Amino acid sequence: MNSFEQPYGRWSQPQARPSQFPQKPFIQEDTLKEGELQIERKYFRAALKENARGRLLRITEEMGVRRNTIIIPATGLRDFLKVLDEMILAADALPQDKKPFDEAS
């Protein structure tokens, strides 16, 4: 597969705009559990979902008009939690900065 071939079709040009991307096929998903939280100015939504391919965790970060999403297959949730636990321990072990990052400069 060359750099312009994609699973859902071929891009006509290297700098294709998002409106030119081929549409992904619709996959019906059932929501099994949802949760939301706000951390500083960001909102996070976690949704445990199930579709024909299996279960997944969809984590969406919203900040103003921007939205980012990651999807973790349920088979990798324990590994993901293990890495998160390691990051929490590392963050707790490191000294706290006196000022927030954007005020330090």
PDB file of N, CA and C in Angstrom:
ATOM      1  N   MET A   1       0.857  -1.174   0.000  1.00  0.00           N
ATOM      2  CA  MET A   1       0.000   0.000   0.000  1.00  0.00           C
ATOM      3  C   MET A   1       0.900   1.233   0.000  1.00  0.00           C
ATOM      4  N   ASN A   2       0.749   2.097  -1.042  1.00  0.00           N
ATOM      5  CA  ASN A   2       1.570   3.302  -1.057  1.00  0.00           C
ATOM      6  C   ASN A   2       0.977   4.353  -0.121  1.00  0.00           C
ATOM      7  N   SER A   3       1.630   5.518  -0.040  1.00  0.00           N
ATOM      8  CA  SER A   3       1.228   6.516   0.957  1.00  0.00           C
ATOM      9  C   SER A   3      -0.143   7.130   0.693  1.00  0.00           C
ATOM     10  N   PHE A   4      -0.688   6.971  -0.532  1.00  0.00           N
ATOM     11  CA  PHE A   4      -1.977   7.574  -0.829  1.00  0.00           C
ATOM     12  C   PHE A   4      -3.127   6.573  -0.765  1.00  0.00           C
ATOM     13  N   GLU A   5      -2.837   5.296  -0.632  1.00  0.00           N
ATOM     14  CA  GLU A   5      -3.898   4.306  -0.529  1.00  0.00           C
ATOM     15  C   GLU A   5      -4.333   4.176   0.912  1.00  0.00           C
ATOM     16  N   GLN A   6      -5.619   4.139   1.136  1.00  0.00           N
ATOM     17  CA  GLN A   6      -6.181   4.037   2.472  1.00  0.00           C
ATOM     18  C   GLN A   6      -7.166   2.879   2.500  1.00  0.00           C
ATOM     19  N   PRO A   7      -7.468   2.356   3.688  1.00  0.00           N
ATOM     20  CA  PRO A   7      -8.381   1.216   3.776  1.00  0.00           C
ATOM     21  C   PRO A   7      -9.755   1.486   3.174  1.00  0.00           C
ATOM     22  N   TYR A   8     -10.195   2.737   3.153  1.00  0.00           N
ATOM     23  CA  TYR A   8     -11.534   3.060   2.668  1.00  0.00           C
ATOM     24  C   TYR A   8     -11.504   3.753   1.311  1.00  0.00           C
ATOM     25  N   GLY A   9     -10.418   3.655   0.599  1.00  0.00           N
ATOM     26  CA  GLY A   9     -10.341   4.253  -0.723  1.00  0.00           C
ATOM     27  C   GLY A   9      -9.003   4.911  -0.962  1.00  0.00           C
ATOM     28  N   ARG A  10      -8.872   5.553  -2.115  1.00  0.00           N
ATOM     29  CA  ARG A  10      -7.621   6.198  -2.522  1.00  0.00           C
ATOM     30  C   ARG A  10      -7.815   7.706  -2.510  1.00  0.00           C
ATOM     31  N   TRP A  11      -6.837   8.427  -1.955  1.00  0.00           N
ATOM     32  CA  TRP A  11      -6.886   9.882  -1.973  1.00  0.00           C
ATOM     33  C   TRP A  11      -6.429  10.364  -3.335  1.00  0.00           C
ATOM     34  N   SER A  12      -7.073  11.381  -3.844  1.00  0.00           N
ATOM     35  CA  SER A  12      -6.744  11.863  -5.172  1.00  0.00           C
ATOM     36  C   SER A  12      -5.497  12.744  -5.182  1.00  0.00           C
ATOM     37  N   GLN A  13      -5.142  13.329  -4.025  1.00  0.00           N
ATOM     38  CA  GLN A  13      -3.979  14.197  -3.963  1.00  0.00           C
ATOM     39  C   GLN A  13      -3.364  14.150  -2.572  1.00  0.00           C
ATOM     40  N   PRO A  14      -2.036  14.410  -2.464  1.00  0.00           N
ATOM     41  CA  PRO A  14      -1.365  14.296  -1.161  1.00  0.00           C
ATOM     42  C   PRO A  14      -1.916  15.237  -0.095  1.00  0.00           C
ATOM     43  N   GLN A  15      -2.309  16.470  -0.417  1.00  0.00           N
ATOM     44  CA  GLN A  15      -2.813  17.415   0.567  1.00  0.00           C
ATOM     45  C   GLN A  15      -4.341  17.441   0.558  1.00  0.00           C
ATOM     46  N   ALA A  16      -4.963  16.293   0.598  1.00  0.00           N
ATOM     47  CA  ALA A  16      -6.430  16.237   0.572  1.00  0.00           C
ATOM     48  C   ALA A  16      -6.992  16.871   1.838  1.00  0.00           C
ATOM     49  N   ARG A  17      -8.030  17.689   1.662  1.00  0.00           N
ATOM     50  CA  ARG A  17      -8.707  18.303   2.803  1.00  0.00           C
ATOM     51  C   ARG A  17      -9.651  17.280   3.431  1.00  0.00           C
ATOM     52  N   PRO A  18      -9.973  17.426   4.735  1.00  0.00           N
ATOM     53  CA  PRO A  18     -10.851  16.459   5.394  1.00  0.00           C
ATOM     54  C   PRO A  18     -12.168  16.228   4.651  1.00  0.00           C
ATOM     55  N   SER A  19     -12.713  17.259   3.996  1.00  0.00           N
ATOM     56  CA  SER A  19     -13.974  17.080   3.281  1.00  0.00           C
ATOM     57  C   SER A  19     -13.815  16.162   2.079  1.00  0.00           C
ATOM     58  N   GLN A  20     -12.572  15.918   1.661  1.00  0.00           N
ATOM     59  CA  GLN A  20     -12.326  15.058   0.511  1.00  0.00           C
ATOM     60  C   GLN A  20     -12.064  13.605   0.920  1.00  0.00           C
ATOM     61  N   PHE A  21     -11.931  13.337   2.217  1.00  0.00           N
ATOM     62  CA  PHE A  21     -11.656  11.983   2.647  1.00  0.00           C
ATOM     63  C   PHE A  21     -12.874  11.112   2.389  1.00  0.00           C
ATOM     64  N   PRO A  22     -12.671   9.869   2.012  1.00  0.00           N
ATOM     65  CA  PRO A  22     -13.823   8.989   1.827  1.00  0.00           C
ATOM     66  C   PRO A  22     -14.515   8.714   3.161  1.00  0.00           C
ATOM     67  N   GLN A  23     -15.822   8.554   3.124  1.00  0.00           N
ATOM     68  CA  GLN A  23     -16.597   8.282   4.333  1.00  0.00           C
ATOM     69  C   GLN A  23     -16.343   6.853   4.801  1.00  0.00           C
ATOM     70  N   LYS A  24     -16.182   6.696   6.103  1.00  0.00           N
ATOM     71  CA  LYS A  24     -16.060   5.362   6.679  1.00  0.00           C
ATOM     72  C   LYS A  24     -17.450   4.753   6.769  1.00  0.00           C
ATOM     73  N   PRO A  25     -17.534   3.443   6.628  1.00  0.00           N
ATOM     74  CA  PRO A  25     -18.863   2.825   6.750  1.00  0.00           C
ATOM     75  C   PRO A  25     -19.390   2.971   8.178  1.00  0.00           C
ATOM     76  N   PHE A  26     -20.706   3.160   8.313  1.00  0.00           N
ATOM     77  CA  PHE A  26     -21.333   3.293   9.618  1.00  0.00           C
ATOM     78  C   PHE A  26     -21.329   1.938  10.318  1.00  0.00           C
ATOM     79  N   ILE A  27     -20.922   1.936  11.582  1.00  0.00           N
ATOM     80  CA  ILE A  27     -20.938   0.720  12.401  1.00  0.00           C
ATOM     81  C   ILE A  27     -21.793   1.013  13.626  1.00  0.00           C
ATOM     82  N   GLN A  28     -22.855   0.252  13.795  1.00  0.00           N
ATOM     83  CA  GLN A  28     -23.752   0.422  14.936  1.00  0.00           C
ATOM     84  C   GLN A  28     -23.010   0.092  16.222  1.00  0.00           C
ATOM     85  N   GLU A  29     -23.089   0.994  17.220  1.00  0.00           N
ATOM     86  CA  GLU A  29     -22.466   0.769  18.517  1.00  0.00           C
ATOM     87  C   GLU A  29     -23.502   0.922  19.619  1.00  0.00           C
ATOM     88  N   ASP A  30     -23.425   0.050  20.598  1.00  0.00           N
ATOM     89  CA  ASP A  30     -24.271   0.147  21.776  1.00  0.00           C
ATOM     90  C   ASP A  30     -23.418   0.653  22.928  1.00  0.00           C
ATOM     91  N   THR A  31     -23.920   1.634  23.666  1.00  0.00           N
ATOM     92  CA  THR A  31     -23.212   2.172  24.820  1.00  0.00           C
ATOM     93  C   THR A  31     -23.567   1.343  26.045  1.00  0.00           C
ATOM     94  N   LEU A  32     -22.529   0.788  26.695  1.00  0.00           N
ATOM     95  CA  LEU A  32     -22.726  -0.046  27.878  1.00  0.00           C
ATOM     96  C   LEU A  32     -22.586   0.760  29.169  1.00  0.00           C
ATOM     97  N   LYS A  33     -21.690   1.765  29.161  1.00  0.00           N
ATOM     98  CA  LYS A  33     -21.442   2.575  30.358  1.00  0.00           C
ATOM     99  C   LYS A  33     -20.777   3.867  29.904  1.00  0.00           C
ATOM    100  N   GLU A  34     -21.129   4.991  30.563  1.00  0.00           N
ATOM    101  CA  GLU A  34     -20.528   6.285  30.245  1.00  0.00           C
ATOM    102  C   GLU A  34     -20.123   7.014  31.513  1.00  0.00           C
ATOM    103  N   GLY A  35     -19.147   7.867  31.387  1.00  0.00           N
ATOM    104  CA  GLY A  35     -18.736   8.714  32.493  1.00  0.00           C
ATOM    105  C   GLY A  35     -18.092   9.979  31.956  1.00  0.00           C
ATOM    106  N   GLU A  36     -18.204  11.088  32.715  1.00  0.00           N
ATOM    107  CA  GLU A  36     -17.633  12.368  32.321  1.00  0.00           C
ATOM    108  C   GLU A  36     -16.879  12.982  33.489  1.00  0.00           C
ATOM    109  N   LEU A  37     -15.864  13.783  33.156  1.00  0.00           N
ATOM    110  CA  LEU A  37     -15.195  14.564  34.183  1.00  0.00           C
ATOM    111  C   LEU A  37     -14.570  15.796  33.556  1.00  0.00           C
ATOM    112  N   GLN A  38     -14.350  16.813  34.382  1.00  0.00           N
ATOM    113  CA  GLN A  38     -13.700  18.035  33.946  1.00  0.00           C
ATOM    114  C   GLN A  38     -12.403  18.170  34.715  1.00  0.00           C
ATOM    115  N   ILE A  39     -11.322  18.406  33.980  1.00  0.00           N
ATOM    116  CA  ILE A  39     -10.015  18.659  34.582  1.00  0.00           C
ATOM    117  C   ILE A  39      -9.527  19.972  33.998  1.00  0.00           C
ATOM    118  N   GLU A  40      -9.415  20.973  34.854  1.00  0.00           N
ATOM    119  CA  GLU A  40      -9.081  22.335  34.442  1.00  0.00           C
ATOM    120  C   GLU A  40     -10.070  22.774  33.376  1.00  0.00           C
ATOM    121  N   ARG A  41      -9.619  23.138  32.160  1.00  0.00           N
ATOM    122  CA  ARG A  41     -10.542  23.615  31.128  1.00  0.00           C
ATOM    123  C   ARG A  41     -10.971  22.516  30.159  1.00  0.00           C
ATOM    124  N   LYS A  42     -10.565  21.298  30.418  1.00  0.00           N
ATOM    125  CA  LYS A  42     -10.858  20.202  29.500  1.00  0.00           C
ATOM    126  C   LYS A  42     -11.960  19.309  30.053  1.00  0.00           C
ATOM    127  N   TYR A  43     -12.797  18.838  29.149  1.00  0.00           N
ATOM    128  CA  TYR A  43     -13.837  17.881  29.499  1.00  0.00           C
ATOM    129  C   TYR A  43     -13.463  16.536  28.889  1.00  0.00           C
ATOM    130  N   PHE A  44     -13.602  15.477  29.668  1.00  0.00           N
ATOM    131  CA  PHE A  44     -13.317  14.131  29.191  1.00  0.00           C
ATOM    132  C   PHE A  44     -14.577  13.286  29.311  1.00  0.00           C
ATOM    133  N   ARG A  45     -14.843  12.532  28.281  1.00  0.00           N
ATOM    134  CA  ARG A  45     -15.977  11.607  28.291  1.00  0.00           C
ATOM    135  C   ARG A  45     -15.422  10.219  27.958  1.00  0.00           C
ATOM    136  N   ALA A  46     -15.730   9.253  28.801  1.00  0.00           N
ATOM    137  CA  ALA A  46     -15.337   7.863  28.563  1.00  0.00           C
ATOM    138  C   ALA A  46     -16.605   7.062  28.329  1.00  0.00           C
ATOM    139  N   ALA A  47     -16.601   6.254  27.299  1.00  0.00           N
ATOM    140  CA  ALA A  47     -17.773   5.439  26.987  1.00  0.00           C
ATOM    141  C   ALA A  47     -17.315   4.030  26.649  1.00  0.00           C
ATOM    142  N   LEU A  48     -17.836   3.069  27.404  1.00  0.00           N
ATOM    143  CA  LEU A  48     -17.612   1.667  27.089  1.00  0.00           C
ATOM    144  C   LEU A  48     -18.684   1.278  26.082  1.00  0.00           C
ATOM    145  N   LYS A  49     -18.249   0.849  24.913  1.00  0.00           N
ATOM    146  CA  LYS A  49     -19.180   0.554  23.824  1.00  0.00           C
ATOM    147  C   LYS A  49     -18.961  -0.856  23.310  1.00  0.00           C
ATOM    148  N   GLU A  50     -19.955  -1.312  22.551  1.00  0.00           N
ATOM    149  CA  GLU A  50     -19.864  -2.635  21.940  1.00  0.00           C
ATOM    150  C   GLU A  50     -20.405  -2.536  20.522  1.00  0.00           C
ATOM    151  N   ASN A  51     -19.696  -3.146  19.589  1.00  0.00           N
ATOM    152  CA  ASN A  51     -20.173  -3.224  18.218  1.00  0.00           C
ATOM    153  C   ASN A  51     -19.909  -4.639  17.698  1.00  0.00           C
ATOM    154  N   ALA A  52     -20.111  -4.846  16.418  1.00  0.00           N
ATOM    155  CA  ALA A  52     -19.954  -6.185  15.840  1.00  0.00           C
ATOM    156  C   ALA A  52     -18.522  -6.705  15.963  1.00  0.00           C
ATOM    157  N   ARG A  53     -17.552  -5.808  16.087  1.00  0.00           N
ATOM    158  CA  ARG A  53     -16.152  -6.226  16.198  1.00  0.00           C
ATOM    159  C   ARG A  53     -15.733  -6.498  17.637  1.00  0.00           C
ATOM    160  N   GLY A  54     -16.538  -6.103  18.633  1.00  0.00           N
ATOM    161  CA  GLY A  54     -16.210  -6.340  20.035  1.00  0.00           C
ATOM    162  C   GLY A  54     -16.472  -5.118  20.890  1.00  0.00           C
ATOM    163  N   ARG A  55     -15.864  -5.122  22.081  1.00  0.00           N
ATOM    164  CA  ARG A  55     -16.026  -4.010  23.028  1.00  0.00           C
ATOM    165  C   ARG A  55     -14.820  -3.093  22.940  1.00  0.00           C
ATOM    166  N   LEU A  56     -15.068  -1.813  23.282  1.00  0.00           N
ATOM    167  CA  LEU A  56     -14.013  -0.817  23.207  1.00  0.00           C
ATOM    168  C   LEU A  56     -14.301   0.292  24.198  1.00  0.00           C
ATOM    169  N   LEU A  57     -13.254   0.999  24.562  1.00  0.00           N
ATOM    170  CA  LEU A  57     -13.381   2.194  25.385  1.00  0.00           C
ATOM    171  C   LEU A  57     -13.042   3.377  24.499  1.00  0.00           C
ATOM    172  N   ARG A  58     -13.964   4.315  24.375  1.00  0.00           N
ATOM    173  CA  ARG A  58     -13.744   5.535  23.597  1.00  0.00           C
ATOM    174  C   ARG A  58     -13.588   6.675  24.590  1.00  0.00           C
ATOM    175  N   ILE A  59     -12.423   7.330  24.571  1.00  0.00           N
ATOM    176  CA  ILE A  59     -12.147   8.473  25.439  1.00  0.00           C
ATOM    177  C   ILE A  59     -12.073   9.707  24.564  1.00  0.00           C
ATOM    178  N   THR A  60     -12.939  10.685  24.857  1.00  0.00           N
ATOM    179  CA  THR A  60     -13.000  11.913  24.077  1.00  0.00           C
ATOM    180  C   THR A  60     -12.621  13.086  24.964  1.00  0.00           C
ATOM    181  N   GLU A  61     -11.702  13.904  24.478  1.00  0.00           N
ATOM    182  CA  GLU A  61     -11.278  15.123  25.158  1.00  0.00           C
ATOM    183  C   GLU A  61     -11.863  16.298  24.386  1.00  0.00           C
ATOM    184  N   GLU A  62     -12.539  17.188  25.077  1.00  0.00           N
ATOM    185  CA  GLU A  62     -13.096  18.377  24.443  1.00  0.00           C
ATOM    186  C   GLU A  62     -12.547  19.610  25.133  1.00  0.00           C
ATOM    187  N   MET A  63     -12.078  20.546  24.313  1.00  0.00           N
ATOM    188  CA  MET A  63     -11.580  21.821  24.837  1.00  0.00           C
ATOM    189  C   MET A  63     -12.006  22.886  23.843  1.00  0.00           C
ATOM    190  N   GLY A  64     -13.037  23.611  24.196  1.00  0.00           N
ATOM    191  CA  GLY A  64     -13.598  24.588  23.266  1.00  0.00           C
ATOM    192  C   GLY A  64     -14.222  23.872  22.086  1.00  0.00           C
ATOM    193  N   VAL A  65     -13.800  24.237  20.887  1.00  0.00           N
ATOM    194  CA  VAL A  65     -14.342  23.602  19.691  1.00  0.00           C
ATOM    195  C   VAL A  65     -13.521  22.396  19.251  1.00  0.00           C
ATOM    196  N   ARG A  66     -12.381  22.174  19.890  1.00  0.00           N
ATOM    197  CA  ARG A  66     -11.515  21.041  19.535  1.00  0.00           C
ATOM    198  C   ARG A  66     -11.977  19.771  20.226  1.00  0.00           C
ATOM    199  N   ARG A  67     -11.888  18.663  19.513  1.00  0.00           N
ATOM    200  CA  ARG A  67     -12.252  17.362  20.078  1.00  0.00           C
ATOM    201  C   ARG A  67     -11.243  16.324  19.586  1.00  0.00           C
ATOM    202  N   ASN A  68     -10.706  15.560  20.520  1.00  0.00           N
ATOM    203  CA  ASN A  68      -9.780  14.467  20.203  1.00  0.00           C
ATOM    204  C   ASN A  68     -10.329  13.190  20.820  1.00  0.00           C
ATOM    205  N   THR A  69     -10.171  12.100  20.116  1.00  0.00           N
ATOM    206  CA  THR A  69     -10.692  10.826  20.607  1.00  0.00           C
ATOM    207  C   THR A  69      -9.639   9.737  20.448  1.00  0.00           C
ATOM    208  N   ILE A  70      -9.545   8.890  21.456  1.00  0.00           N
ATOM    209  CA  ILE A  70      -8.763   7.663  21.327  1.00  0.00           C
ATOM    210  C   ILE A  70      -9.701   6.495  21.607  1.00  0.00           C
ATOM    211  N   ILE A  71      -9.423   5.391  20.954  1.00  0.00           N
ATOM    212  CA  ILE A  71     -10.230   4.187  21.126  1.00  0.00           C
ATOM    213  C   ILE A  71      -9.301   3.061  21.546  1.00  0.00           C
ATOM    214  N   ILE A  72      -9.668   2.401  22.636  1.00  0.00           N
ATOM    215  CA  ILE A  72      -8.871   1.297  23.159  1.00  0.00           C
ATOM    216  C   ILE A  72      -9.726   0.039  23.122  1.00  0.00           C
ATOM    217  N   PRO A  73      -9.299  -0.985  22.409  1.00  0.00           N
ATOM    218  CA  PRO A  73     -10.057  -2.243  22.432  1.00  0.00           C
ATOM    219  C   PRO A  73     -10.107  -2.788  23.858  1.00  0.00           C
ATOM    220  N   ALA A  74     -11.213  -3.406  24.226  1.00  0.00           N
ATOM    221  CA  ALA A  74     -11.382  -3.931  25.584  1.00  0.00           C
ATOM    222  C   ALA A  74     -10.283  -4.922  25.944  1.00  0.00           C
ATOM    223  N   THR A  75      -9.732  -5.596  24.948  1.00  0.00           N
ATOM    224  CA  THR A  75      -8.659  -6.559  25.224  1.00  0.00           C
ATOM    225  C   THR A  75      -7.397  -5.877  25.750  1.00  0.00           C
ATOM    226  N   GLY A  76      -7.258  -4.558  25.553  1.00  0.00           N
ATOM    227  CA  GLY A  76      -6.076  -3.846  26.012  1.00  0.00           C
ATOM    228  C   GLY A  76      -6.310  -2.961  27.219  1.00  0.00           C
ATOM    229  N   LEU A  77      -7.511  -3.007  27.812  1.00  0.00           N
ATOM    230  CA  LEU A  77      -7.808  -2.109  28.922  1.00  0.00           C
ATOM    231  C   LEU A  77      -6.937  -2.350  30.146  1.00  0.00           C
ATOM    232  N   ARG A  78      -6.666  -3.593  30.481  1.00  0.00           N
ATOM    233  CA  ARG A  78      -5.812  -3.867  31.661  1.00  0.00           C
ATOM    234  C   ARG A  78      -4.387  -3.362  31.430  1.00  0.00           C
ATOM    235  N   ASP A  79      -3.864  -3.527  30.222  1.00  0.00           N
ATOM    236  CA  ASP A  79      -2.531  -3.003  29.907  1.00  0.00           C
ATOM    237  C   ASP A  79      -2.530  -1.479  29.953  1.00  0.00           C
ATOM    238  N   PHE A  80      -3.595  -0.854  29.459  1.00  0.00           N
ATOM    239  CA  PHE A  80      -3.724   0.602  29.493  1.00  0.00           C
ATOM    240  C   PHE A  80      -3.762   1.093  30.938  1.00  0.00           C
ATOM    241  N   LEU A  81      -4.521   0.410  31.788  1.00  0.00           N
ATOM    242  CA  LEU A  81      -4.603   0.772  33.206  1.00  0.00           C
ATOM    243  C   LEU A  81      -3.244   0.623  33.885  1.00  0.00           C
ATOM    244  N   LYS A  82      -2.496  -0.412  33.525  1.00  0.00           N
ATOM    245  CA  LYS A  82      -1.166  -0.614  34.105  1.00  0.00           C
ATOM    246  C   LYS A  82      -0.245   0.560  33.772  1.00  0.00           C
ATOM    247  N   VAL A  83      -0.278   1.015  32.519  1.00  0.00           N
ATOM    248  CA  VAL A  83       0.548   2.156  32.123  1.00  0.00           C
ATOM    249  C   VAL A  83       0.075   3.423  32.844  1.00  0.00           C
ATOM    250  N   LEU A  84      -1.234   3.623  32.954  1.00  0.00           N
ATOM    251  CA  LEU A  84      -1.753   4.786  33.685  1.00  0.00           C
ATOM    252  C   LEU A  84      -1.298   4.762  35.150  1.00  0.00           C
ATOM    253  N   ASP A  85      -1.386   3.604  35.781  1.00  0.00           N
ATOM    254  CA  ASP A  85      -0.934   3.482  37.171  1.00  0.00           C
ATOM    255  C   ASP A  85       0.540   3.857  37.301  1.00  0.00           C
ATOM    256  N   GLU A  86       1.369   3.421  36.341  1.00  0.00           N
ATOM    257  CA  GLU A  86       2.789   3.768  36.363  1.00  0.00           C
ATOM    258  C   GLU A  86       2.985   5.276  36.215  1.00  0.00           C
ATOM    259  N   MET A  87       2.193   5.922  35.364  1.00  0.00           N
ATOM    260  CA  MET A  87       2.300   7.368  35.170  1.00  0.00           C
ATOM    261  C   MET A  87       1.871   8.123  36.431  1.00  0.00           C
ATOM    262  N   ILE A  88       0.851   7.624  37.110  1.00  0.00           N
ATOM    263  CA  ILE A  88       0.395   8.254  38.358  1.00  0.00           C
ATOM    264  C   ILE A  88       1.480   8.164  39.418  1.00  0.00           C
ATOM    265  N   LEU A  89       2.090   6.988  39.551  1.00  0.00           N
ATOM    266  CA  LEU A  89       3.178   6.830  40.523  1.00  0.00           C
ATOM    267  C   LEU A  89       4.352   7.742  40.190  1.00  0.00           C
ATOM    268  N   ALA A  90       4.702   7.848  38.902  1.00  0.00           N
ATOM    269  CA  ALA A  90       5.810   8.715  38.495  1.00  0.00           C
ATOM    270  C   ALA A  90       5.477  10.179  38.773  1.00  0.00           C
ATOM    271  N   ALA A  91       4.250  10.599  38.473  1.00  0.00           N
ATOM    272  CA  ALA A  91       3.846  11.987  38.714  1.00  0.00           C
ATOM    273  C   ALA A  91       3.874  12.314  40.201  1.00  0.00           C
ATOM    274  N   ASP A  92       3.461  11.363  41.036  1.00  0.00           N
ATOM    275  CA  ASP A  92       3.477  11.585  42.484  1.00  0.00           C
ATOM    276  C   ASP A  92       4.900  11.639  43.036  1.00  0.00           C
ATOM    277  N   ALA A  93       5.832  10.936  42.393  1.00  0.00           N
ATOM    278  CA  ALA A  93       7.208  10.874  42.877  1.00  0.00           C
ATOM    279  C   ALA A  93       8.021  12.104  42.470  1.00  0.00           C
ATOM    280  N   LEU A  94       7.610  12.786  41.408  1.00  0.00           N
ATOM    281  CA  LEU A  94       8.357  13.952  40.937  1.00  0.00           C
ATOM    282  C   LEU A  94       7.936  15.189  41.720  1.00  0.00           C
ATOM    283  N   PRO A  95       8.887  16.123  41.944  1.00  0.00           N
ATOM    284  CA  PRO A  95       8.526  17.351  42.663  1.00  0.00           C
ATOM    285  C   PRO A  95       7.588  18.208  41.820  1.00  0.00           C
ATOM    286  N   GLN A  96       6.672  18.892  42.487  1.00  0.00           N
ATOM    287  CA  GLN A  96       5.726  19.777  41.816  1.00  0.00           C
ATOM    288  C   GLN A  96       6.423  21.081  41.442  1.00  0.00           C
ATOM    289  N   ASP A  97       6.090  21.629  40.279  1.00  0.00           N
ATOM    290  CA  ASP A  97       6.585  22.951  39.888  1.00  0.00           C
ATOM    291  C   ASP A  97       5.893  24.000  40.759  1.00  0.00           C
ATOM    292  N   LYS A  98       6.585  25.089  40.989  1.00  0.00           N
ATOM    293  CA  LYS A  98       6.013  26.168  41.788  1.00  0.00           C
ATOM    294  C   LYS A  98       4.917  26.906  41.025  1.00  0.00           C
ATOM    295  N   LYS A  99       5.084  27.046  39.676  1.00  0.00           N
ATOM    296  CA  LYS A  99       4.127  27.773  38.854  1.00  0.00           C
ATOM    297  C   LYS A  99       3.588  26.836  37.773  1.00  0.00           C
ATOM    298  N   PRO A 100       2.376  27.090  37.299  1.00  0.00           N
ATOM    299  CA  PRO A 100       1.885  26.342  36.132  1.00  0.00           C
ATOM    300  C   PRO A 100       2.809  26.586  34.942  1.00  0.00           C
ATOM    301  N   PHE A 101       2.838  25.664  34.012  1.00  0.00           N
ATOM    302  CA  PHE A 101       3.753  25.691  32.874  1.00  0.00           C
ATOM    303  C   PHE A 101       3.688  27.003  32.100  1.00  0.00           C
ATOM    304  N   ASP A 102       2.485  27.476  31.751  1.00  0.00           N
ATOM    305  CA  ASP A 102       2.387  28.670  30.911  1.00  0.00           C
ATOM    306  C   ASP A 102       2.741  29.945  31.656  1.00  0.00           C
ATOM    307  N   GLU A 103       2.837  29.944  32.962  1.00  0.00           N
ATOM    308  CA  GLU A 103       3.239  31.126  33.726  1.00  0.00           C
ATOM    309  C   GLU A 103       4.733  31.141  34.002  1.00  0.00           C
ATOM    310  N   ALA A 104       5.421  30.004  33.816  1.00  0.00           N
ATOM    311  CA  ALA A 104       6.822  29.888  34.146  1.00  0.00           C
ATOM    312  C   ALA A 104       7.717  30.661  33.170  1.00  0.00           C
ATOM    313  N   SER A 105       7.261  30.876  31.924  1.00  0.00           N
ATOM    314  CA  SER A 105       8.135  31.547  30.958  1.00  0.00           C
ATOM    315  C   SER A 105       8.023  33.031  30.975  1.00  0.00           C
TER     316      SER A 105
END
